[in-house]
């Protein structure tokens, strides 16, 4: 049943975010289980869940190592091997469809398209990791799918770029305020400040920069050379 496949996707997505948040909050000690190892184990768990889901419903495709490797997209922004691995597992488990369903539900709330878009593109900073590529690897397909849907419904092809590139800018800078050891902790250490004391200002700056990127993509950048938006 389709509902079963969606439930499997939601479970996989919940496990992924649970590991991320558990690492950030110290529930998963980094000195005993580093985030890279935790994500590797997460991908294995998601594969097992996918296998069980296939036994429950034939509508859910079974996948193993070969299917998983076929889902992995190699791109500079997905530099961490852990990000590669878990991204393939999430896609194979239907987590991106679950994410799209979740975003659709969110945009039907008072948040609307604007609030949902802001939430999506700022996830890397909201859940700041020591390398933003971890979340970028796992959530880029969801950003692309949501951007395409937004562009289609609003009748503006630029909106895909607004979502995708704002997400990239946010992910590229989000390692700064990470409590797990982002670049911002270097300044905290040299200045003898408390850990996390520079996190909030950095996060605010990143969110503002993300908004500027989105505005430029929407109102300044042409869709193609000599096209709409160019002089």
N, C-alpha and C. Protein backbone atom coordinates (compact mmCIF):
# COMPACT_ATOMS: atom_id res chain seq x y z
N UNK A 1 0.83 -1.19 0.00
CA UNK A 1 0.00 0.00 0.00
C UNK A 1 0.87 1.25 0.00
N UNK A 2 0.35 2.30 -0.68
CA UNK A 2 1.09 3.57 -0.74
C UNK A 2 1.30 4.14 0.65
N UNK A 3 0.28 4.00 1.52
CA UNK A 3 0.38 4.51 2.89
C UNK A 3 1.54 3.86 3.63
N UNK A 4 1.74 2.57 3.39
CA UNK A 4 2.84 1.86 4.05
C UNK A 4 4.18 2.42 3.61
N UNK A 5 4.33 2.67 2.31
CA UNK A 5 5.58 3.23 1.79
C UNK A 5 5.85 4.61 2.39
N UNK A 6 4.78 5.42 2.54
CA UNK A 6 4.94 6.76 3.11
C UNK A 6 5.34 6.67 4.58
N UNK A 7 4.76 5.71 5.30
CA UNK A 7 5.11 5.52 6.71
C UNK A 7 6.57 5.13 6.84
N UNK A 8 7.04 4.22 5.96
CA UNK A 8 8.45 3.81 5.97
C UNK A 8 9.34 5.02 5.73
N UNK A 9 8.93 5.89 4.79
CA UNK A 9 9.69 7.10 4.50
C UNK A 9 9.77 8.02 5.70
N UNK A 10 8.65 8.19 6.39
CA UNK A 10 8.62 9.04 7.58
C UNK A 10 9.51 8.46 8.69
N UNK A 11 9.47 7.15 8.86
CA UNK A 11 10.30 6.51 9.89
C UNK A 11 11.78 6.73 9.58
N UNK A 12 12.16 6.56 8.32
CA UNK A 12 13.54 6.75 7.91
C UNK A 12 13.99 8.18 8.14
N UNK A 13 13.11 9.13 7.79
CA UNK A 13 13.42 10.55 7.97
C UNK A 13 13.57 10.87 9.46
N UNK A 14 12.68 10.31 10.28
CA UNK A 14 12.73 10.55 11.72
C UNK A 14 14.02 10.01 12.33
N UNK A 15 14.46 8.84 11.88
CA UNK A 15 15.70 8.26 12.39
C UNK A 15 16.88 9.15 12.03
N UNK A 16 16.90 9.63 10.79
CA UNK A 16 17.99 10.50 10.34
C UNK A 16 18.10 11.75 11.20
N UNK A 17 16.97 12.46 11.37
CA UNK A 17 16.99 13.68 12.17
C UNK A 17 17.24 13.36 13.65
N UNK A 18 16.79 12.19 14.09
CA UNK A 18 17.04 11.80 15.47
C UNK A 18 18.52 11.66 15.75
N UNK A 19 19.25 11.05 14.81
CA UNK A 19 20.70 10.89 14.97
C UNK A 19 21.39 12.26 14.94
N UNK A 20 20.96 13.12 14.01
CA UNK A 20 21.56 14.46 13.90
C UNK A 20 21.35 15.23 15.20
N UNK A 21 20.11 15.28 15.68
CA UNK A 21 19.80 16.02 16.90
C UNK A 21 20.46 15.37 18.12
N UNK A 22 20.49 14.04 18.14
CA UNK A 22 21.14 13.34 19.25
C UNK A 22 22.62 13.68 19.35
N UNK A 23 23.27 13.82 18.19
CA UNK A 23 24.68 14.21 18.18
C UNK A 23 24.86 15.64 18.65
N UNK A 24 23.99 16.52 18.18
CA UNK A 24 24.08 17.94 18.55
C UNK A 24 23.83 18.15 20.04
N UNK A 25 22.90 17.41 20.60
CA UNK A 25 22.52 17.60 22.00
C UNK A 25 23.38 16.80 22.98
N UNK A 26 24.28 16.01 22.43
CA UNK A 26 25.17 15.24 23.30
C UNK A 26 24.60 13.91 23.76
N UNK A 27 23.40 13.57 23.30
CA UNK A 27 22.83 12.27 23.65
C UNK A 27 23.69 11.16 23.05
N UNK A 28 24.22 11.41 21.85
CA UNK A 28 25.18 10.51 21.23
C UNK A 28 26.56 11.13 21.42
N UNK A 29 27.36 10.67 22.37
CA UNK A 29 28.66 11.29 22.66
C UNK A 29 29.60 11.19 21.46
N UNK A 30 30.18 12.34 21.06
CA UNK A 30 31.06 12.35 19.90
C UNK A 30 32.38 11.63 20.17
N UNK A 31 32.79 11.55 21.43
CA UNK A 31 34.04 10.85 21.74
C UNK A 31 33.88 9.34 21.68
N UNK A 32 32.63 8.87 21.65
CA UNK A 32 32.37 7.43 21.58
C UNK A 32 31.78 7.01 20.24
N UNK A 33 30.96 7.90 19.64
CA UNK A 33 30.35 7.59 18.35
C UNK A 33 30.31 8.86 17.50
N UNK A 34 31.38 9.14 16.72
CA UNK A 34 31.42 10.34 15.88
C UNK A 34 30.26 10.38 14.90
N UNK A 35 29.90 11.57 14.45
CA UNK A 35 28.74 11.74 13.58
C UNK A 35 28.87 10.93 12.29
N UNK A 36 30.11 10.84 11.73
CA UNK A 36 30.28 10.07 10.50
C UNK A 36 29.93 8.61 10.71
N UNK A 37 30.39 8.05 11.82
CA UNK A 37 30.08 6.65 12.13
C UNK A 37 28.60 6.47 12.40
N UNK A 38 28.01 7.43 13.13
CA UNK A 38 26.58 7.36 13.44
C UNK A 38 25.74 7.37 12.18
N UNK A 39 26.13 8.21 11.20
CA UNK A 39 25.37 8.28 9.94
C UNK A 39 25.55 7.00 9.12
N UNK A 40 26.72 6.42 9.17
CA UNK A 40 26.95 5.14 8.47
C UNK A 40 26.03 4.07 9.03
N UNK A 41 25.97 4.00 10.37
CA UNK A 41 25.08 3.03 11.02
C UNK A 41 23.63 3.34 10.69
N UNK A 42 23.29 4.65 10.62
CA UNK A 42 21.92 5.07 10.28
C UNK A 42 21.51 4.54 8.92
N UNK A 43 22.43 4.65 7.94
CA UNK A 43 22.12 4.17 6.60
C UNK A 43 21.85 2.67 6.60
N UNK A 44 22.63 1.92 7.38
CA UNK A 44 22.41 0.47 7.48
C UNK A 44 21.03 0.18 8.08
N UNK A 45 20.68 0.92 9.15
CA UNK A 45 19.38 0.73 9.80
C UNK A 45 18.25 1.03 8.82
N UNK A 46 18.40 2.11 8.04
CA UNK A 46 17.36 2.47 7.07
C UNK A 46 17.22 1.38 6.01
N UNK A 47 18.35 0.79 5.59
CA UNK A 47 18.28 -0.31 4.63
C UNK A 47 17.49 -1.49 5.20
N UNK A 48 17.71 -1.79 6.47
CA UNK A 48 16.99 -2.89 7.12
C UNK A 48 15.50 -2.58 7.18
N UNK A 49 15.16 -1.32 7.51
CA UNK A 49 13.76 -0.91 7.56
C UNK A 49 13.13 -1.05 6.19
N UNK A 50 13.89 -0.67 5.15
CA UNK A 50 13.38 -0.81 3.79
C UNK A 50 13.11 -2.26 3.43
N UNK A 51 13.98 -3.15 3.86
CA UNK A 51 13.79 -4.58 3.59
C UNK A 51 12.52 -5.08 4.28
N UNK A 52 12.34 -4.67 5.54
CA UNK A 52 11.13 -5.06 6.28
C UNK A 52 9.89 -4.49 5.60
N UNK A 53 9.99 -3.22 5.16
CA UNK A 53 8.85 -2.61 4.48
C UNK A 53 8.45 -3.35 3.22
N UNK A 54 9.44 -3.88 2.49
CA UNK A 54 9.15 -4.66 1.29
C UNK A 54 8.43 -5.96 1.62
N UNK A 55 8.74 -6.54 2.78
CA UNK A 55 8.07 -7.77 3.20
C UNK A 55 6.60 -7.49 3.55
N UNK A 56 6.35 -6.28 4.05
CA UNK A 56 4.97 -5.91 4.43
C UNK A 56 4.14 -5.56 3.21
N UNK A 57 4.75 -4.81 2.28
CA UNK A 57 4.02 -4.35 1.11
C UNK A 57 4.92 -4.41 -0.11
N UNK A 58 4.45 -5.06 -1.16
CA UNK A 58 5.23 -5.16 -2.39
C UNK A 58 5.31 -3.83 -3.12
N UNK A 59 4.46 -2.84 -2.73
CA UNK A 59 4.52 -1.51 -3.34
C UNK A 59 5.81 -0.79 -2.94
N UNK A 60 6.42 -1.25 -1.86
CA UNK A 60 7.67 -0.65 -1.41
C UNK A 60 8.82 -1.48 -1.96
N UNK A 61 9.67 -0.89 -2.79
CA UNK A 61 10.75 -1.62 -3.45
C UNK A 61 11.83 -2.01 -2.46
N UNK A 62 12.27 -3.24 -2.56
CA UNK A 62 13.38 -3.68 -1.72
C UNK A 62 14.67 -3.11 -2.29
N UNK A 63 15.63 -2.83 -1.44
CA UNK A 63 16.91 -2.34 -1.95
C UNK A 63 18.05 -2.88 -1.10
N UNK A 64 19.15 -3.11 -1.78
CA UNK A 64 20.36 -3.59 -1.12
C UNK A 64 21.53 -2.70 -1.50
N UNK A 65 22.76 -3.17 -1.33
CA UNK A 65 23.94 -2.34 -1.62
C UNK A 65 23.98 -1.81 -3.05
N UNK A 66 23.61 -2.63 -4.04
CA UNK A 66 23.67 -2.18 -5.44
C UNK A 66 22.65 -1.09 -5.71
N UNK A 67 21.41 -1.26 -5.17
CA UNK A 67 20.39 -0.23 -5.35
C UNK A 67 20.77 1.05 -4.61
N UNK A 68 21.38 0.88 -3.43
CA UNK A 68 21.80 2.04 -2.64
C UNK A 68 22.86 2.85 -3.39
N UNK A 69 23.85 2.16 -3.95
CA UNK A 69 24.92 2.86 -4.67
C UNK A 69 24.36 3.58 -5.88
N UNK A 70 23.29 3.03 -6.48
CA UNK A 70 22.67 3.68 -7.63
C UNK A 70 21.93 4.94 -7.29
N UNK A 71 21.61 5.14 -6.00
CA UNK A 71 20.88 6.33 -5.56
C UNK A 71 21.82 7.46 -5.15
N UNK A 72 23.11 7.13 -4.97
CA UNK A 72 24.05 8.14 -4.48
C UNK A 72 24.45 9.08 -5.61
N UNK A 73 24.32 10.38 -5.39
CA UNK A 73 24.67 11.39 -6.37
C UNK A 73 25.99 12.03 -5.96
N UNK A 74 27.01 11.93 -6.81
CA UNK A 74 28.31 12.51 -6.50
C UNK A 74 28.34 13.96 -6.99
N UNK A 75 28.58 14.89 -6.10
CA UNK A 75 28.61 16.32 -6.43
C UNK A 75 29.51 17.00 -5.41
N UNK A 76 30.22 18.06 -5.77
CA UNK A 76 31.13 18.70 -4.81
C UNK A 76 30.51 19.04 -3.47
N UNK A 77 29.23 19.44 -3.47
CA UNK A 77 28.62 19.85 -2.20
C UNK A 77 28.36 18.66 -1.29
N UNK A 78 28.34 17.46 -1.87
CA UNK A 78 28.13 16.27 -1.05
C UNK A 78 29.47 15.60 -0.77
N UNK A 79 30.38 16.36 -0.16
CA UNK A 79 31.77 15.90 -0.01
C UNK A 79 31.95 14.82 1.04
N UNK A 80 31.17 14.84 2.09
CA UNK A 80 31.37 13.85 3.14
C UNK A 80 30.81 12.49 2.74
N UNK A 81 31.62 11.46 2.92
CA UNK A 81 31.17 10.11 2.58
C UNK A 81 29.92 9.74 3.36
N UNK A 82 29.86 10.16 4.62
CA UNK A 82 28.66 9.87 5.42
C UNK A 82 27.43 10.51 4.79
N UNK A 83 27.61 11.72 4.27
CA UNK A 83 26.49 12.39 3.61
C UNK A 83 26.06 11.66 2.35
N UNK A 84 27.05 11.20 1.57
CA UNK A 84 26.74 10.41 0.37
C UNK A 84 25.88 9.21 0.75
N UNK A 85 26.37 8.49 1.71
CA UNK A 85 25.79 7.19 2.06
C UNK A 85 24.36 7.34 2.58
N UNK A 86 24.17 8.27 3.50
CA UNK A 86 22.85 8.42 4.08
C UNK A 86 21.87 9.03 3.08
N UNK A 87 22.37 9.87 2.16
CA UNK A 87 21.49 10.44 1.13
C UNK A 87 20.91 9.33 0.25
N UNK A 88 21.78 8.39 -0.14
CA UNK A 88 21.30 7.27 -0.95
C UNK A 88 20.30 6.42 -0.19
N UNK A 89 20.56 6.19 1.09
CA UNK A 89 19.65 5.38 1.91
C UNK A 89 18.31 6.08 2.07
N UNK A 90 18.33 7.40 2.29
CA UNK A 90 17.08 8.14 2.46
C UNK A 90 16.23 8.11 1.19
N UNK A 91 16.90 8.29 0.04
CA UNK A 91 16.13 8.26 -1.21
C UNK A 91 15.56 6.88 -1.47
N UNK A 92 16.37 5.85 -1.26
CA UNK A 92 15.91 4.49 -1.50
C UNK A 92 14.76 4.12 -0.58
N UNK A 93 14.75 4.70 0.63
CA UNK A 93 13.71 4.38 1.61
C UNK A 93 12.46 5.25 1.45
N UNK A 94 12.49 6.15 0.45
CA UNK A 94 11.31 6.98 0.22
C UNK A 94 11.20 8.17 1.15
N UNK A 95 12.32 8.52 1.81
CA UNK A 95 12.26 9.64 2.76
C UNK A 95 12.04 10.98 2.07
N UNK A 96 12.48 11.12 0.81
CA UNK A 96 12.29 12.38 0.12
C UNK A 96 10.81 12.61 -0.21
N UNK A 97 10.12 11.52 -0.54
CA UNK A 97 8.68 11.64 -0.76
C UNK A 97 7.99 12.03 0.54
N UNK A 98 8.47 11.45 1.66
CA UNK A 98 7.92 11.82 2.96
C UNK A 98 8.21 13.28 3.28
N UNK A 99 9.41 13.74 2.94
CA UNK A 99 9.76 15.14 3.16
C UNK A 99 8.89 16.06 2.33
N UNK A 100 8.66 15.69 1.07
CA UNK A 100 7.79 16.49 0.21
C UNK A 100 6.37 16.55 0.78
N UNK A 101 5.90 15.41 1.28
CA UNK A 101 4.57 15.36 1.88
C UNK A 101 4.52 16.27 3.12
N UNK A 102 5.58 16.23 3.93
CA UNK A 102 5.64 17.06 5.13
C UNK A 102 5.65 18.54 4.76
N UNK A 103 6.41 18.92 3.73
CA UNK A 103 6.47 20.32 3.29
C UNK A 103 5.13 20.77 2.74
N UNK A 104 4.44 19.87 2.03
CA UNK A 104 3.10 20.20 1.52
C UNK A 104 2.14 20.48 2.67
N UNK A 105 2.25 19.68 3.71
CA UNK A 105 1.38 19.89 4.87
C UNK A 105 1.72 21.21 5.56
N UNK A 106 3.00 21.53 5.62
CA UNK A 106 3.42 22.78 6.26
C UNK A 106 2.92 24.00 5.50
N UNK A 107 2.95 23.94 4.17
CA UNK A 107 2.53 25.12 3.40
C UNK A 107 1.02 25.33 3.42
N UNK A 108 0.29 24.34 3.88
CA UNK A 108 -1.15 24.49 4.04
C UNK A 108 -1.51 25.10 5.40
N UNK A 109 -0.50 25.27 6.25
CA UNK A 109 -0.69 25.93 7.54
C UNK A 109 -0.52 27.44 7.33
N UNK A 110 -0.67 28.25 8.40
CA UNK A 110 -0.45 29.69 8.26
C UNK A 110 0.95 30.06 7.76
N UNK A 111 1.90 29.13 7.82
CA UNK A 111 3.23 29.42 7.29
C UNK A 111 3.20 29.71 5.80
N UNK A 112 2.33 28.98 5.08
CA UNK A 112 2.23 29.17 3.64
C UNK A 112 3.52 28.78 2.92
N UNK A 113 3.60 29.16 1.63
CA UNK A 113 4.78 28.85 0.83
C UNK A 113 6.01 29.58 1.36
N UNK A 114 5.82 30.85 1.74
CA UNK A 114 6.96 31.66 2.17
C UNK A 114 7.59 31.10 3.44
N UNK A 115 6.76 30.84 4.46
CA UNK A 115 7.28 30.32 5.71
C UNK A 115 7.90 28.95 5.56
N UNK A 116 7.27 28.10 4.76
CA UNK A 116 7.81 26.76 4.53
C UNK A 116 9.14 26.82 3.80
N UNK A 117 9.23 27.72 2.81
CA UNK A 117 10.48 27.89 2.06
C UNK A 117 11.60 28.38 2.98
N UNK A 118 11.27 29.33 3.86
CA UNK A 118 12.27 29.85 4.78
C UNK A 118 12.77 28.76 5.72
N UNK A 119 11.84 27.92 6.18
CA UNK A 119 12.23 26.81 7.05
C UNK A 119 13.15 25.85 6.33
N UNK A 120 12.79 25.49 5.10
CA UNK A 120 13.57 24.51 4.35
C UNK A 120 14.99 24.99 4.09
N UNK A 121 15.13 26.21 3.56
CA UNK A 121 16.47 26.68 3.17
C UNK A 121 17.35 26.96 4.39
N UNK A 122 16.75 27.15 5.55
CA UNK A 122 17.54 27.46 6.75
C UNK A 122 17.78 26.25 7.64
N UNK A 123 17.32 25.06 7.23
CA UNK A 123 17.53 23.86 8.04
C UNK A 123 19.01 23.63 8.36
N UNK A 124 19.96 23.82 7.40
CA UNK A 124 21.37 23.58 7.76
C UNK A 124 21.87 24.45 8.90
N UNK A 125 21.34 25.68 9.02
CA UNK A 125 21.76 26.55 10.12
C UNK A 125 20.97 26.26 11.39
N UNK A 126 19.68 25.92 11.23
CA UNK A 126 18.87 25.57 12.39
C UNK A 126 19.46 24.35 13.09
N UNK A 127 19.91 23.38 12.28
CA UNK A 127 20.55 22.17 12.82
C UNK A 127 22.01 22.22 12.35
N UNK A 128 22.80 23.12 12.91
CA UNK A 128 24.16 23.37 12.43
C UNK A 128 25.08 22.19 12.73
N UNK A 129 25.71 21.68 11.68
CA UNK A 129 26.65 20.57 11.80
C UNK A 129 28.07 21.08 11.61
N UNK A 130 29.10 20.29 12.00
CA UNK A 130 30.48 20.72 11.78
C UNK A 130 30.82 20.85 10.30
N UNK A 131 30.02 20.27 9.46
CA UNK A 131 30.13 20.48 8.01
C UNK A 131 28.73 20.49 7.44
N UNK A 132 28.35 21.60 6.81
CA UNK A 132 27.00 21.73 6.27
C UNK A 132 26.70 20.74 5.18
N UNK A 133 27.75 20.11 4.63
CA UNK A 133 27.53 19.15 3.54
C UNK A 133 26.78 17.91 4.01
N UNK A 134 26.83 17.64 5.30
CA UNK A 134 26.12 16.46 5.82
C UNK A 134 24.63 16.58 5.54
N UNK A 135 24.05 17.72 5.93
CA UNK A 135 22.62 17.92 5.69
C UNK A 135 22.35 18.24 4.22
N UNK A 136 23.28 18.96 3.57
CA UNK A 136 23.08 19.29 2.16
C UNK A 136 22.99 18.03 1.31
N UNK A 137 23.84 17.05 1.62
CA UNK A 137 23.82 15.79 0.88
C UNK A 137 22.47 15.10 1.01
N UNK A 138 21.95 15.10 2.22
CA UNK A 138 20.73 14.34 2.49
C UNK A 138 19.47 15.08 2.04
N UNK A 139 19.48 16.41 2.07
CA UNK A 139 18.26 17.17 1.83
C UNK A 139 18.22 17.92 0.50
N UNK A 140 19.34 17.93 -0.26
CA UNK A 140 19.32 18.63 -1.55
C UNK A 140 18.21 18.14 -2.48
N UNK A 141 18.01 16.81 -2.62
CA UNK A 141 16.91 16.38 -3.50
C UNK A 141 15.56 16.93 -3.04
N UNK A 142 15.34 17.02 -1.72
CA UNK A 142 14.07 17.57 -1.22
C UNK A 142 13.95 19.04 -1.58
N UNK A 143 15.07 19.78 -1.50
CA UNK A 143 15.05 21.20 -1.86
C UNK A 143 14.75 21.38 -3.34
N UNK A 144 15.33 20.52 -4.18
CA UNK A 144 15.07 20.60 -5.62
C UNK A 144 13.61 20.29 -5.93
N UNK A 145 13.10 19.21 -5.35
CA UNK A 145 11.71 18.82 -5.59
C UNK A 145 10.74 19.91 -5.14
N UNK A 146 10.99 20.47 -3.95
CA UNK A 146 10.11 21.53 -3.45
C UNK A 146 10.22 22.78 -4.32
N UNK A 147 11.44 23.11 -4.75
CA UNK A 147 11.63 24.27 -5.62
C UNK A 147 10.91 24.11 -6.94
N UNK A 148 10.97 22.92 -7.52
CA UNK A 148 10.28 22.66 -8.79
C UNK A 148 8.76 22.78 -8.61
N UNK A 149 8.26 22.23 -7.50
CA UNK A 149 6.82 22.31 -7.24
C UNK A 149 6.38 23.76 -7.03
N UNK A 150 7.19 24.50 -6.28
CA UNK A 150 6.88 25.91 -6.03
C UNK A 150 6.87 26.70 -7.33
N UNK A 151 7.88 26.46 -8.18
CA UNK A 151 7.97 27.17 -9.45
C UNK A 151 6.77 26.86 -10.35
N UNK A 152 6.35 25.61 -10.35
CA UNK A 152 5.22 25.20 -11.19
C UNK A 152 3.91 25.83 -10.71
N UNK A 153 3.68 25.79 -9.40
CA UNK A 153 2.42 26.30 -8.86
C UNK A 153 2.34 27.82 -8.92
N UNK A 154 3.50 28.49 -8.79
CA UNK A 154 3.50 29.95 -8.82
C UNK A 154 3.75 30.51 -10.21
N UNK A 155 4.05 29.62 -11.18
CA UNK A 155 4.26 30.05 -12.55
C UNK A 155 5.51 30.88 -12.75
N UNK A 156 6.57 30.62 -11.98
CA UNK A 156 7.81 31.39 -12.09
C UNK A 156 8.98 30.42 -11.98
N UNK A 157 9.67 30.18 -13.11
CA UNK A 157 10.77 29.22 -13.13
C UNK A 157 11.92 29.63 -12.23
N UNK A 158 12.03 30.91 -11.93
CA UNK A 158 13.13 31.38 -11.08
C UNK A 158 13.06 30.78 -9.67
N UNK A 159 11.88 30.42 -9.21
CA UNK A 159 11.70 30.00 -7.82
C UNK A 159 12.45 28.71 -7.50
N UNK A 160 12.71 27.88 -8.51
CA UNK A 160 13.53 26.69 -8.27
C UNK A 160 14.92 27.11 -7.84
N UNK A 161 15.51 28.07 -8.57
CA UNK A 161 16.82 28.58 -8.20
C UNK A 161 16.82 29.29 -6.87
N UNK A 162 15.72 29.99 -6.57
CA UNK A 162 15.61 30.69 -5.29
C UNK A 162 15.76 29.71 -4.14
N UNK A 163 15.04 28.60 -4.21
CA UNK A 163 15.09 27.60 -3.14
C UNK A 163 16.44 26.88 -3.11
N UNK A 164 16.87 26.38 -4.26
CA UNK A 164 18.07 25.55 -4.32
C UNK A 164 19.32 26.33 -3.93
N UNK A 165 19.50 27.53 -4.50
CA UNK A 165 20.73 28.26 -4.23
C UNK A 165 20.73 28.92 -2.86
N UNK A 166 19.57 29.30 -2.38
CA UNK A 166 19.51 29.79 -1.00
C UNK A 166 19.87 28.66 -0.03
N UNK A 167 19.41 27.45 -0.34
CA UNK A 167 19.76 26.29 0.48
C UNK A 167 21.25 26.02 0.45
N UNK A 168 21.87 26.15 -0.74
CA UNK A 168 23.31 25.91 -0.88
C UNK A 168 24.10 26.94 -0.07
N UNK A 169 23.73 28.22 -0.18
CA UNK A 169 24.42 29.27 0.58
C UNK A 169 24.32 29.00 2.07
N UNK A 170 23.13 28.62 2.52
CA UNK A 170 22.93 28.34 3.94
C UNK A 170 23.78 27.15 4.39
N UNK A 171 23.79 26.10 3.59
CA UNK A 171 24.55 24.90 3.94
C UNK A 171 26.05 25.17 3.94
N UNK A 172 26.51 25.99 2.98
CA UNK A 172 27.94 26.27 2.87
C UNK A 172 28.48 27.02 4.08
N UNK A 173 27.64 27.85 4.70
CA UNK A 173 28.09 28.68 5.82
C UNK A 173 27.72 28.10 7.19
N UNK A 174 26.85 27.11 7.21
CA UNK A 174 26.25 26.68 8.47
C UNK A 174 27.20 25.96 9.41
N UNK A 175 28.41 25.61 8.94
CA UNK A 175 29.36 24.94 9.84
C UNK A 175 29.89 25.91 10.90
N UNK A 176 29.77 27.22 10.65
CA UNK A 176 30.30 28.22 11.58
C UNK A 176 29.77 28.09 12.99
N UNK A 177 28.45 28.16 13.17
CA UNK A 177 27.90 28.14 14.54
C UNK A 177 27.67 26.76 15.13
N UNK A 178 28.18 25.72 14.50
CA UNK A 178 27.90 24.37 14.99
C UNK A 178 28.51 24.13 16.37
N UNK A 179 27.70 23.67 17.31
CA UNK A 179 28.22 23.34 18.65
C UNK A 179 29.09 22.09 18.66
N UNK A 180 29.12 21.37 17.54
CA UNK A 180 29.95 20.16 17.45
C UNK A 180 31.37 20.47 17.00
N UNK A 181 31.69 21.76 16.79
CA UNK A 181 33.05 22.10 16.40
C UNK A 181 33.13 22.77 15.05
N UNK A 182 32.28 23.77 14.80
CA UNK A 182 32.35 24.52 13.56
C UNK A 182 33.50 25.51 13.59
N UNK A 183 33.72 26.21 12.48
CA UNK A 183 34.83 27.14 12.37
C UNK A 183 34.71 28.28 13.38
N UNK A 184 33.48 28.58 13.81
CA UNK A 184 33.27 29.64 14.78
C UNK A 184 33.89 29.34 16.13
N UNK A 185 34.03 28.05 16.45
CA UNK A 185 34.61 27.70 17.75
C UNK A 185 36.09 28.04 17.82
N UNK A 186 36.72 28.23 16.65
CA UNK A 186 38.12 28.66 16.65
C UNK A 186 38.23 30.04 17.29
N UNK A 187 37.32 30.95 16.87
CA UNK A 187 37.31 32.29 17.45
C UNK A 187 36.95 32.27 18.92
N UNK A 188 36.04 31.39 19.28
CA UNK A 188 35.65 31.28 20.69
C UNK A 188 36.83 30.81 21.53
N UNK A 189 37.57 29.85 20.99
CA UNK A 189 38.72 29.33 21.74
C UNK A 189 39.82 30.35 21.88
N UNK A 190 40.16 31.04 20.78
CA UNK A 190 41.24 32.03 20.82
C UNK A 190 40.87 33.23 21.69
N UNK A 191 39.57 33.56 21.72
CA UNK A 191 39.12 34.68 22.53
C UNK A 191 38.76 34.29 23.95
N UNK A 192 38.87 33.00 24.24
CA UNK A 192 38.53 32.46 25.56
C UNK A 192 37.06 32.76 25.92
N UNK A 193 36.20 32.67 24.91
CA UNK A 193 34.77 32.83 25.15
C UNK A 193 34.16 31.46 25.44
N UNK A 194 32.99 31.48 26.06
CA UNK A 194 32.27 30.22 26.31
C UNK A 194 31.86 29.57 24.99
N UNK A 195 31.92 28.24 24.94
CA UNK A 195 31.53 27.52 23.73
C UNK A 195 30.09 27.87 23.36
N UNK A 196 29.87 28.26 22.11
CA UNK A 196 28.54 28.61 21.64
C UNK A 196 28.21 30.09 21.77
N UNK A 197 29.12 30.88 22.35
CA UNK A 197 28.81 32.30 22.57
C UNK A 197 28.73 33.08 21.26
N UNK A 198 29.42 32.62 20.22
CA UNK A 198 29.37 33.31 18.93
C UNK A 198 28.37 32.66 17.98
N UNK A 199 27.72 31.60 18.43
CA UNK A 199 26.82 30.85 17.55
C UNK A 199 25.62 31.65 17.08
N UNK A 200 24.94 32.34 18.01
CA UNK A 200 23.73 33.08 17.64
C UNK A 200 24.01 34.20 16.65
N UNK A 201 25.04 35.04 16.84
CA UNK A 201 25.33 36.07 15.84
C UNK A 201 25.67 35.49 14.47
N UNK A 202 26.43 34.40 14.46
CA UNK A 202 26.76 33.77 13.18
C UNK A 202 25.51 33.25 12.50
N UNK A 203 24.67 32.57 13.25
CA UNK A 203 23.44 32.01 12.67
C UNK A 203 22.56 33.11 12.10
N UNK A 204 22.45 34.22 12.82
CA UNK A 204 21.65 35.35 12.33
C UNK A 204 22.21 35.89 11.03
N UNK A 205 23.55 36.04 10.97
CA UNK A 205 24.18 36.52 9.75
C UNK A 205 23.97 35.58 8.58
N UNK A 206 24.05 34.27 8.83
CA UNK A 206 23.87 33.29 7.76
C UNK A 206 22.44 33.34 7.22
N UNK A 207 21.47 33.45 8.13
CA UNK A 207 20.06 33.52 7.71
C UNK A 207 19.81 34.78 6.88
N UNK A 208 20.41 35.90 7.29
CA UNK A 208 20.27 37.15 6.52
C UNK A 208 20.92 37.00 5.14
N UNK A 209 22.10 36.38 5.09
CA UNK A 209 22.78 36.17 3.82
C UNK A 209 21.97 35.26 2.90
N UNK A 210 21.32 34.26 3.50
CA UNK A 210 20.46 33.36 2.72
C UNK A 210 19.30 34.13 2.11
N UNK A 211 18.72 35.05 2.88
CA UNK A 211 17.61 35.86 2.37
C UNK A 211 18.07 36.76 1.22
N UNK A 212 19.26 37.35 1.36
CA UNK A 212 19.81 38.20 0.29
C UNK A 212 20.01 37.38 -0.99
N UNK A 213 20.54 36.16 -0.84
CA UNK A 213 20.73 35.28 -2.01
C UNK A 213 19.39 34.99 -2.70
N UNK A 214 18.37 34.68 -1.89
CA UNK A 214 17.05 34.38 -2.46
C UNK A 214 16.49 35.58 -3.21
N UNK A 215 16.64 36.78 -2.65
CA UNK A 215 16.15 38.00 -3.31
C UNK A 215 16.89 38.27 -4.62
N UNK A 216 18.20 38.04 -4.61
CA UNK A 216 18.98 38.24 -5.83
C UNK A 216 18.58 37.25 -6.92
N UNK A 217 18.35 36.00 -6.53
CA UNK A 217 17.93 34.99 -7.50
C UNK A 217 16.57 35.33 -8.08
N UNK A 218 15.70 35.93 -7.28
CA UNK A 218 14.35 36.23 -7.73
C UNK A 218 14.27 37.50 -8.57
N UNK A 219 15.00 38.55 -8.17
CA UNK A 219 14.78 39.85 -8.79
C UNK A 219 15.95 40.38 -9.62
N UNK A 220 17.13 39.79 -9.48
CA UNK A 220 18.29 40.34 -10.19
C UNK A 220 18.86 39.38 -11.22
N UNK A 221 19.05 38.12 -10.83
CA UNK A 221 19.70 37.17 -11.71
C UNK A 221 18.79 36.76 -12.87
N UNK A 222 19.26 36.88 -14.13
CA UNK A 222 18.44 36.44 -15.27
C UNK A 222 18.36 34.93 -15.34
N UNK A 223 17.30 34.43 -15.94
CA UNK A 223 17.16 33.00 -16.09
C UNK A 223 18.21 32.45 -17.04
N UNK A 224 18.59 33.24 -18.03
CA UNK A 224 19.64 32.85 -18.98
C UNK A 224 20.20 34.13 -19.58
N UNK A 225 21.43 34.12 -20.13
CA UNK A 225 22.03 35.34 -20.66
C UNK A 225 21.12 36.02 -21.70
N UNK A 226 20.84 37.29 -21.46
CA UNK A 226 19.99 38.03 -22.39
C UNK A 226 18.51 37.79 -22.18
N UNK A 227 18.17 36.95 -21.17
CA UNK A 227 16.78 36.62 -20.92
C UNK A 227 16.14 37.56 -19.93
N UNK A 228 14.99 37.15 -19.41
CA UNK A 228 14.25 37.96 -18.45
C UNK A 228 15.10 38.27 -17.24
N UNK A 229 15.17 39.52 -16.85
CA UNK A 229 15.94 39.93 -15.70
C UNK A 229 17.28 40.52 -16.05
N UNK A 230 17.72 40.38 -17.32
CA UNK A 230 18.99 41.00 -17.73
C UNK A 230 18.72 42.35 -18.35
N UNK A 231 19.76 43.17 -18.43
CA UNK A 231 19.60 44.51 -19.01
C UNK A 231 19.59 44.43 -20.52
